[in-house]
Amino acid sequence: MKSPLVRGGGRVFGPQPRDYSFKLNKKLKTLARLSALTYKAKQNNILVVEGFTMDKARTKDYAAILKNLNLENQKVLFVIPTNDKNIFLSSRNIQKNKVITATDLNTYDVLNAGKLVLVEGSVSVIEKNLAK
């Protein structure tokens, strides 16, 4: 360690790492998520589709699903009830598209997406999480 008094020495009051994060209460987070979903519902930007599975991870199949829903060039948040590796792998190469599980649903992703596509099983998981 070099003394700041000597030529070529260190800084007297050097930069200190700071933590700018702050705590939000769980009830406030839940209320924000609920109001974001309500906002999307009022604008008719929520679609509920039947549950489905993909046999292989193919982007072409996932793009066909988006095309059938008329969502190919829009920001889409796809909410599935449980982890499905094939759907995640199929969707990751498409721009303006995000796939998350219902338990990982957050306010930022809901508000950032143009359309919200809920798979049938994810609705009950979201209701259960918001009821807590």
N, C-alpha and C. Protein backbone atom coordinates (compact mmCIF):
# COMPACT_ATOMS: atom_id res chain seq x y z
N MET A 1 0.85 -1.18 0.00
CA MET A 1 0.00 0.00 0.00
C MET A 1 0.89 1.23 0.00
N LYS A 2 0.58 2.13 -0.94
CA LYS A 2 1.38 3.36 -1.05
C LYS A 2 0.70 4.47 -0.27
N SER A 3 1.47 5.27 0.36
CA SER A 3 0.94 6.39 1.13
C SER A 3 0.55 7.52 0.19
N PRO A 4 -0.57 8.20 0.46
CA PRO A 4 -0.96 9.33 -0.37
C PRO A 4 -0.04 10.55 -0.17
N LEU A 5 0.80 10.51 0.84
CA LEU A 5 1.69 11.63 1.12
C LEU A 5 2.95 11.58 0.27
N VAL A 6 3.29 10.39 -0.23
CA VAL A 6 4.51 10.20 -1.01
C VAL A 6 4.19 10.38 -2.49
N ARG A 7 5.17 10.86 -3.27
CA ARG A 7 4.99 11.06 -4.70
C ARG A 7 4.64 9.73 -5.36
N GLY A 8 3.57 9.73 -6.20
CA GLY A 8 3.13 8.49 -6.85
C GLY A 8 2.28 7.63 -5.93
N GLY A 9 1.83 8.21 -4.82
CA GLY A 9 1.05 7.46 -3.84
C GLY A 9 -0.42 7.33 -4.23
N GLY A 10 -1.20 6.75 -3.36
CA GLY A 10 -2.61 6.47 -3.63
C GLY A 10 -3.51 7.67 -3.42
N ARG A 11 -4.77 7.47 -3.62
CA ARG A 11 -5.76 8.54 -3.41
C ARG A 11 -6.17 8.60 -1.96
N VAL A 12 -6.45 9.80 -1.50
CA VAL A 12 -6.83 9.97 -0.10
C VAL A 12 -8.23 9.43 0.15
N PHE A 13 -9.20 9.88 -0.64
CA PHE A 13 -10.58 9.40 -0.49
C PHE A 13 -11.00 8.73 -1.78
N GLY A 14 -10.55 7.50 -1.96
CA GLY A 14 -10.85 6.75 -3.18
C GLY A 14 -12.32 6.37 -3.27
N PRO A 15 -12.73 5.86 -4.44
CA PRO A 15 -14.13 5.49 -4.63
C PRO A 15 -14.52 4.31 -3.73
N GLN A 16 -15.72 4.37 -3.20
CA GLN A 16 -16.22 3.31 -2.34
C GLN A 16 -17.38 2.61 -3.05
N PRO A 17 -17.41 1.29 -3.04
CA PRO A 17 -18.55 0.60 -3.64
C PRO A 17 -19.81 0.85 -2.82
N ARG A 18 -20.89 1.14 -3.51
CA ARG A 18 -22.14 1.45 -2.82
C ARG A 18 -23.22 0.51 -3.26
N ASP A 19 -24.18 0.27 -2.40
CA ASP A 19 -25.33 -0.58 -2.70
C ASP A 19 -26.55 0.33 -2.82
N TYR A 20 -27.08 0.48 -4.04
CA TYR A 20 -28.21 1.36 -4.27
C TYR A 20 -29.55 0.63 -4.23
N SER A 21 -29.53 -0.63 -3.90
CA SER A 21 -30.79 -1.39 -3.88
C SER A 21 -31.61 -1.02 -2.65
N PHE A 22 -32.91 -1.24 -2.76
CA PHE A 22 -33.79 -0.99 -1.63
C PHE A 22 -34.84 -2.10 -1.56
N LYS A 23 -35.42 -2.26 -0.39
CA LYS A 23 -36.34 -3.36 -0.13
C LYS A 23 -37.78 -2.92 -0.42
N LEU A 24 -38.50 -3.79 -1.10
CA LEU A 24 -39.94 -3.60 -1.29
C LEU A 24 -40.67 -4.70 -0.54
N ASN A 25 -41.77 -4.34 0.08
CA ASN A 25 -42.55 -5.34 0.79
C ASN A 25 -43.20 -6.31 -0.18
N LYS A 26 -43.43 -7.55 0.27
CA LYS A 26 -44.03 -8.57 -0.59
C LYS A 26 -45.42 -8.18 -1.03
N LYS A 27 -46.19 -7.58 -0.14
CA LYS A 27 -47.56 -7.17 -0.50
C LYS A 27 -47.54 -6.10 -1.58
N LEU A 28 -46.58 -5.21 -1.53
CA LEU A 28 -46.46 -4.16 -2.54
C LEU A 28 -46.07 -4.74 -3.90
N LYS A 29 -45.15 -5.73 -3.89
CA LYS A 29 -44.76 -6.41 -5.13
C LYS A 29 -45.95 -7.13 -5.74
N THR A 30 -46.73 -7.81 -4.91
CA THR A 30 -47.90 -8.54 -5.39
C THR A 30 -48.94 -7.58 -5.96
N LEU A 31 -49.14 -6.45 -5.29
CA LEU A 31 -50.09 -5.45 -5.76
C LEU A 31 -49.65 -4.86 -7.10
N ALA A 32 -48.36 -4.63 -7.27
CA ALA A 32 -47.83 -4.11 -8.53
C ALA A 32 -48.04 -5.11 -9.66
N ARG A 33 -47.80 -6.39 -9.38
CA ARG A 33 -47.99 -7.44 -10.39
C ARG A 33 -49.46 -7.54 -10.78
N LEU A 34 -50.34 -7.45 -9.78
CA LEU A 34 -51.78 -7.52 -10.03
C LEU A 34 -52.26 -6.33 -10.86
N SER A 35 -51.76 -5.13 -10.54
CA SER A 35 -52.18 -3.96 -11.30
C SER A 35 -51.62 -3.99 -12.72
N ALA A 36 -50.44 -4.55 -12.92
CA ALA A 36 -49.87 -4.68 -14.27
C ALA A 36 -50.71 -5.65 -15.10
N LEU A 37 -51.14 -6.75 -14.51
CA LEU A 37 -52.00 -7.70 -15.22
C LEU A 37 -53.36 -7.09 -15.53
N THR A 38 -53.88 -6.30 -14.61
CA THR A 38 -55.16 -5.61 -14.83
C THR A 38 -55.04 -4.62 -15.97
N TYR A 39 -53.93 -3.90 -16.02
CA TYR A 39 -53.68 -2.94 -17.08
C TYR A 39 -53.66 -3.62 -18.44
N LYS A 40 -52.99 -4.78 -18.53
CA LYS A 40 -52.94 -5.54 -19.78
C LYS A 40 -54.32 -6.07 -20.16
N ALA A 41 -55.09 -6.48 -19.17
CA ALA A 41 -56.43 -7.02 -19.45
C ALA A 41 -57.37 -5.93 -19.96
N LYS A 42 -57.25 -4.72 -19.42
CA LYS A 42 -58.10 -3.62 -19.88
C LYS A 42 -57.81 -3.24 -21.32
N GLN A 43 -56.57 -3.43 -21.76
CA GLN A 43 -56.20 -3.12 -23.12
C GLN A 43 -56.37 -4.31 -24.07
N ASN A 44 -56.94 -5.39 -23.57
CA ASN A 44 -57.14 -6.63 -24.35
C ASN A 44 -55.83 -7.16 -24.92
N ASN A 45 -54.78 -7.15 -24.12
CA ASN A 45 -53.48 -7.64 -24.55
C ASN A 45 -53.10 -8.96 -23.89
N ILE A 46 -54.09 -9.69 -23.38
CA ILE A 46 -53.84 -11.00 -22.79
C ILE A 46 -54.56 -12.05 -23.61
N LEU A 47 -53.82 -13.07 -24.00
CA LEU A 47 -54.39 -14.21 -24.71
C LEU A 47 -54.20 -15.45 -23.84
N VAL A 48 -55.22 -16.29 -23.77
CA VAL A 48 -55.12 -17.56 -23.06
C VAL A 48 -55.26 -18.66 -24.10
N VAL A 49 -54.25 -19.52 -24.19
CA VAL A 49 -54.26 -20.60 -25.17
C VAL A 49 -54.25 -21.95 -24.44
N GLU A 50 -54.65 -22.99 -25.16
CA GLU A 50 -54.66 -24.33 -24.60
C GLU A 50 -53.23 -24.78 -24.31
N GLY A 51 -53.12 -25.68 -23.36
CA GLY A 51 -51.80 -26.22 -23.04
C GLY A 51 -51.27 -27.08 -24.18
N PHE A 52 -49.99 -27.02 -24.42
CA PHE A 52 -49.37 -27.81 -25.47
C PHE A 52 -47.95 -28.17 -25.07
N THR A 53 -47.40 -29.15 -25.76
CA THR A 53 -46.01 -29.53 -25.55
C THR A 53 -45.33 -29.62 -26.91
N MET A 54 -44.03 -29.50 -26.90
CA MET A 54 -43.26 -29.61 -28.14
C MET A 54 -42.37 -30.85 -28.03
N ASP A 55 -42.40 -31.69 -29.06
CA ASP A 55 -41.61 -32.91 -29.05
C ASP A 55 -40.12 -32.62 -29.19
N LYS A 56 -39.79 -31.68 -30.08
CA LYS A 56 -38.41 -31.29 -30.30
C LYS A 56 -38.28 -29.78 -30.13
N ALA A 57 -37.06 -29.36 -29.84
CA ALA A 57 -36.79 -27.92 -29.73
C ALA A 57 -36.52 -27.37 -31.13
N ARG A 58 -37.58 -26.88 -31.78
CA ARG A 58 -37.44 -26.33 -33.14
C ARG A 58 -38.03 -24.93 -33.17
N THR A 59 -37.20 -23.98 -33.57
CA THR A 59 -37.63 -22.60 -33.66
C THR A 59 -38.73 -22.43 -34.70
N LYS A 60 -38.67 -23.21 -35.76
CA LYS A 60 -39.66 -23.13 -36.83
C LYS A 60 -41.06 -23.46 -36.30
N ASP A 61 -41.16 -24.46 -35.44
CA ASP A 61 -42.46 -24.83 -34.86
C ASP A 61 -43.00 -23.73 -33.95
N TYR A 62 -42.10 -23.15 -33.15
CA TYR A 62 -42.51 -22.08 -32.25
C TYR A 62 -42.94 -20.84 -33.04
N ALA A 63 -42.21 -20.54 -34.12
CA ALA A 63 -42.56 -19.40 -34.97
C ALA A 63 -43.91 -19.63 -35.63
N ALA A 64 -44.23 -20.88 -35.97
CA ALA A 64 -45.54 -21.20 -36.56
C ALA A 64 -46.66 -20.95 -35.55
N ILE A 65 -46.40 -21.26 -34.28
CA ILE A 65 -47.40 -21.00 -33.23
C ILE A 65 -47.66 -19.50 -33.13
N LEU A 66 -46.59 -18.69 -33.12
CA LEU A 66 -46.74 -17.24 -33.05
C LEU A 66 -47.47 -16.70 -34.28
N LYS A 67 -47.19 -17.28 -35.44
CA LYS A 67 -47.84 -16.84 -36.67
C LYS A 67 -49.33 -17.15 -36.64
N ASN A 68 -49.70 -18.31 -36.10
CA ASN A 68 -51.11 -18.68 -35.99
C ASN A 68 -51.86 -17.76 -35.03
N LEU A 69 -51.15 -17.22 -34.05
CA LEU A 69 -51.77 -16.29 -33.09
C LEU A 69 -51.67 -14.84 -33.56
N ASN A 70 -51.10 -14.60 -34.74
CA ASN A 70 -50.89 -13.25 -35.30
C ASN A 70 -50.02 -12.39 -34.38
N LEU A 71 -48.93 -12.96 -33.89
CA LEU A 71 -48.04 -12.26 -32.96
C LEU A 71 -46.59 -12.24 -33.44
N GLU A 72 -46.35 -12.41 -34.76
CA GLU A 72 -44.99 -12.61 -35.22
C GLU A 72 -44.08 -11.39 -35.06
N ASN A 73 -44.55 -10.18 -35.21
CA ASN A 73 -43.68 -9.00 -35.10
C ASN A 73 -44.01 -8.13 -33.90
N GLN A 74 -44.47 -8.74 -32.83
CA GLN A 74 -44.82 -7.99 -31.62
C GLN A 74 -43.99 -8.49 -30.45
N LYS A 75 -43.89 -7.64 -29.43
CA LYS A 75 -43.22 -8.06 -28.20
C LYS A 75 -44.16 -9.00 -27.45
N VAL A 76 -43.74 -10.23 -27.24
CA VAL A 76 -44.61 -11.24 -26.66
C VAL A 76 -43.96 -11.81 -25.41
N LEU A 77 -44.75 -11.94 -24.36
CA LEU A 77 -44.34 -12.65 -23.15
C LEU A 77 -45.18 -13.91 -23.08
N PHE A 78 -44.53 -15.05 -23.18
CA PHE A 78 -45.20 -16.35 -23.18
C PHE A 78 -45.06 -16.93 -21.79
N VAL A 79 -46.17 -17.18 -21.09
CA VAL A 79 -46.13 -17.67 -19.72
C VAL A 79 -46.60 -19.13 -19.72
N ILE A 80 -45.71 -20.03 -19.31
CA ILE A 80 -46.05 -21.45 -19.26
C ILE A 80 -46.13 -21.90 -17.80
N PRO A 81 -46.93 -22.94 -17.50
CA PRO A 81 -47.13 -23.32 -16.10
C PRO A 81 -45.89 -23.93 -15.43
N THR A 82 -45.16 -24.77 -16.15
CA THR A 82 -43.97 -25.41 -15.59
C THR A 82 -42.82 -25.31 -16.58
N ASN A 83 -41.63 -25.65 -16.13
CA ASN A 83 -40.46 -25.62 -17.01
C ASN A 83 -40.63 -26.62 -18.15
N ASP A 84 -40.47 -26.15 -19.37
CA ASP A 84 -40.49 -27.01 -20.54
C ASP A 84 -39.27 -26.65 -21.37
N LYS A 85 -38.28 -27.52 -21.32
CA LYS A 85 -36.99 -27.23 -21.96
C LYS A 85 -37.14 -26.99 -23.45
N ASN A 86 -38.00 -27.74 -24.12
CA ASN A 86 -38.14 -27.60 -25.57
C ASN A 86 -38.73 -26.25 -25.96
N ILE A 87 -39.68 -25.75 -25.19
CA ILE A 87 -40.27 -24.44 -25.49
C ILE A 87 -39.24 -23.34 -25.26
N PHE A 88 -38.47 -23.43 -24.18
CA PHE A 88 -37.42 -22.44 -23.91
C PHE A 88 -36.40 -22.42 -25.04
N LEU A 89 -35.94 -23.60 -25.45
CA LEU A 89 -34.92 -23.67 -26.49
C LEU A 89 -35.47 -23.20 -27.84
N SER A 90 -36.73 -23.49 -28.11
CA SER A 90 -37.33 -23.09 -29.39
C SER A 90 -37.51 -21.59 -29.49
N SER A 91 -37.74 -20.94 -28.38
CA SER A 91 -38.10 -19.52 -28.41
C SER A 91 -36.92 -18.58 -28.28
N ARG A 92 -35.79 -19.04 -27.87
CA ARG A 92 -34.71 -18.11 -27.52
C ARG A 92 -34.06 -17.44 -28.71
N ASN A 93 -34.29 -17.92 -29.93
CA ASN A 93 -33.68 -17.32 -31.11
C ASN A 93 -34.62 -16.32 -31.80
N ILE A 94 -35.78 -16.10 -31.26
CA ILE A 94 -36.73 -15.17 -31.85
C ILE A 94 -36.67 -13.85 -31.09
N GLN A 95 -36.52 -12.76 -31.84
CA GLN A 95 -36.44 -11.45 -31.21
C GLN A 95 -37.80 -11.02 -30.68
N LYS A 96 -37.79 -10.10 -29.72
CA LYS A 96 -39.00 -9.54 -29.10
C LYS A 96 -39.87 -10.64 -28.50
N ASN A 97 -39.26 -11.67 -27.96
CA ASN A 97 -40.01 -12.79 -27.44
C ASN A 97 -39.35 -13.29 -26.17
N LYS A 98 -40.15 -13.60 -25.17
CA LYS A 98 -39.61 -14.12 -23.92
C LYS A 98 -40.55 -15.16 -23.38
N VAL A 99 -40.00 -16.26 -22.89
CA VAL A 99 -40.79 -17.33 -22.29
C VAL A 99 -40.36 -17.46 -20.84
N ILE A 100 -41.35 -17.40 -19.93
CA ILE A 100 -41.07 -17.59 -18.50
C ILE A 100 -42.12 -18.50 -17.90
N THR A 101 -41.82 -19.04 -16.74
CA THR A 101 -42.81 -19.85 -16.03
C THR A 101 -43.72 -18.94 -15.22
N ALA A 102 -44.86 -19.46 -14.84
CA ALA A 102 -45.84 -18.65 -14.12
C ALA A 102 -45.33 -18.24 -12.74
N THR A 103 -44.48 -19.04 -12.14
CA THR A 103 -43.94 -18.67 -10.83
C THR A 103 -42.90 -17.55 -10.92
N ASP A 104 -42.29 -17.38 -12.10
CA ASP A 104 -41.27 -16.34 -12.30
C ASP A 104 -41.84 -15.05 -12.87
N LEU A 105 -43.15 -14.96 -12.98
CA LEU A 105 -43.79 -13.78 -13.56
C LEU A 105 -43.50 -12.55 -12.70
N ASN A 106 -43.04 -11.47 -13.34
CA ASN A 106 -42.75 -10.25 -12.59
C ASN A 106 -43.35 -9.04 -13.29
N THR A 107 -43.43 -7.95 -12.58
CA THR A 107 -44.10 -6.75 -13.07
C THR A 107 -43.39 -6.15 -14.28
N TYR A 108 -42.08 -6.13 -14.26
CA TYR A 108 -41.34 -5.53 -15.37
C TYR A 108 -41.62 -6.26 -16.68
N ASP A 109 -41.56 -7.59 -16.66
CA ASP A 109 -41.79 -8.35 -17.88
C ASP A 109 -43.21 -8.17 -18.40
N VAL A 110 -44.18 -8.09 -17.50
CA VAL A 110 -45.58 -7.91 -17.92
C VAL A 110 -45.75 -6.55 -18.61
N LEU A 111 -45.20 -5.50 -18.02
CA LEU A 111 -45.35 -4.17 -18.60
C LEU A 111 -44.49 -3.96 -19.83
N ASN A 112 -43.37 -4.65 -19.92
CA ASN A 112 -42.46 -4.50 -21.05
C ASN A 112 -43.00 -5.18 -22.31
N ALA A 113 -43.81 -6.21 -22.14
CA ALA A 113 -44.32 -6.96 -23.29
C ALA A 113 -45.54 -6.26 -23.89
N GLY A 114 -45.68 -6.40 -25.21
CA GLY A 114 -46.86 -5.86 -25.88
C GLY A 114 -48.06 -6.75 -25.66
N LYS A 115 -47.87 -8.05 -25.87
CA LYS A 115 -48.93 -9.03 -25.67
C LYS A 115 -48.48 -10.06 -24.65
N LEU A 116 -49.43 -10.55 -23.88
CA LEU A 116 -49.17 -11.55 -22.85
C LEU A 116 -49.93 -12.81 -23.24
N VAL A 117 -49.22 -13.90 -23.47
CA VAL A 117 -49.84 -15.16 -23.85
C VAL A 117 -49.71 -16.12 -22.68
N LEU A 118 -50.85 -16.49 -22.12
CA LEU A 118 -50.88 -17.40 -20.98
C LEU A 118 -51.32 -18.78 -21.44
N VAL A 119 -50.54 -19.80 -21.12
CA VAL A 119 -50.96 -21.16 -21.38
C VAL A 119 -51.95 -21.52 -20.28
N GLU A 120 -52.94 -22.34 -20.62
CA GLU A 120 -54.09 -22.59 -19.76
C GLU A 120 -53.72 -22.93 -18.31
N GLY A 121 -52.75 -23.77 -18.10
CA GLY A 121 -52.37 -24.17 -16.74
C GLY A 121 -51.72 -23.07 -15.94
N SER A 122 -51.15 -22.08 -16.61
CA SER A 122 -50.45 -21.02 -15.89
C SER A 122 -51.40 -20.04 -15.21
N VAL A 123 -52.64 -19.98 -15.66
CA VAL A 123 -53.60 -19.05 -15.06
C VAL A 123 -53.85 -19.41 -13.60
N SER A 124 -54.01 -20.70 -13.32
CA SER A 124 -54.28 -21.11 -11.93
C SER A 124 -53.04 -20.89 -11.05
N VAL A 125 -51.85 -21.06 -11.61
CA VAL A 125 -50.62 -20.82 -10.84
C VAL A 125 -50.49 -19.34 -10.50
N ILE A 126 -50.82 -18.47 -11.46
CA ILE A 126 -50.75 -17.02 -11.21
C ILE A 126 -51.77 -16.61 -10.17
N GLU A 127 -52.99 -17.13 -10.27
CA GLU A 127 -54.02 -16.82 -9.27
C GLU A 127 -53.59 -17.25 -7.88
N LYS A 128 -52.97 -18.41 -7.80
CA LYS A 128 -52.51 -18.92 -6.51
C LYS A 128 -51.42 -18.04 -5.93
N ASN A 129 -50.49 -17.57 -6.78
CA ASN A 129 -49.42 -16.71 -6.31
C ASN A 129 -49.92 -15.34 -5.88
N LEU A 130 -50.93 -14.81 -6.58
CA LEU A 130 -51.47 -13.49 -6.22
C LEU A 130 -52.38 -13.54 -5.00
N ALA A 131 -52.92 -14.72 -4.70
CA ALA A 131 -53.81 -14.86 -3.54
C ALA A 131 -53.05 -14.90 -2.22
N LYS A 132 -51.74 -15.16 -2.27
CA LYS A 132 -50.95 -15.24 -1.03
C LYS A 132 -50.87 -13.93 -0.33
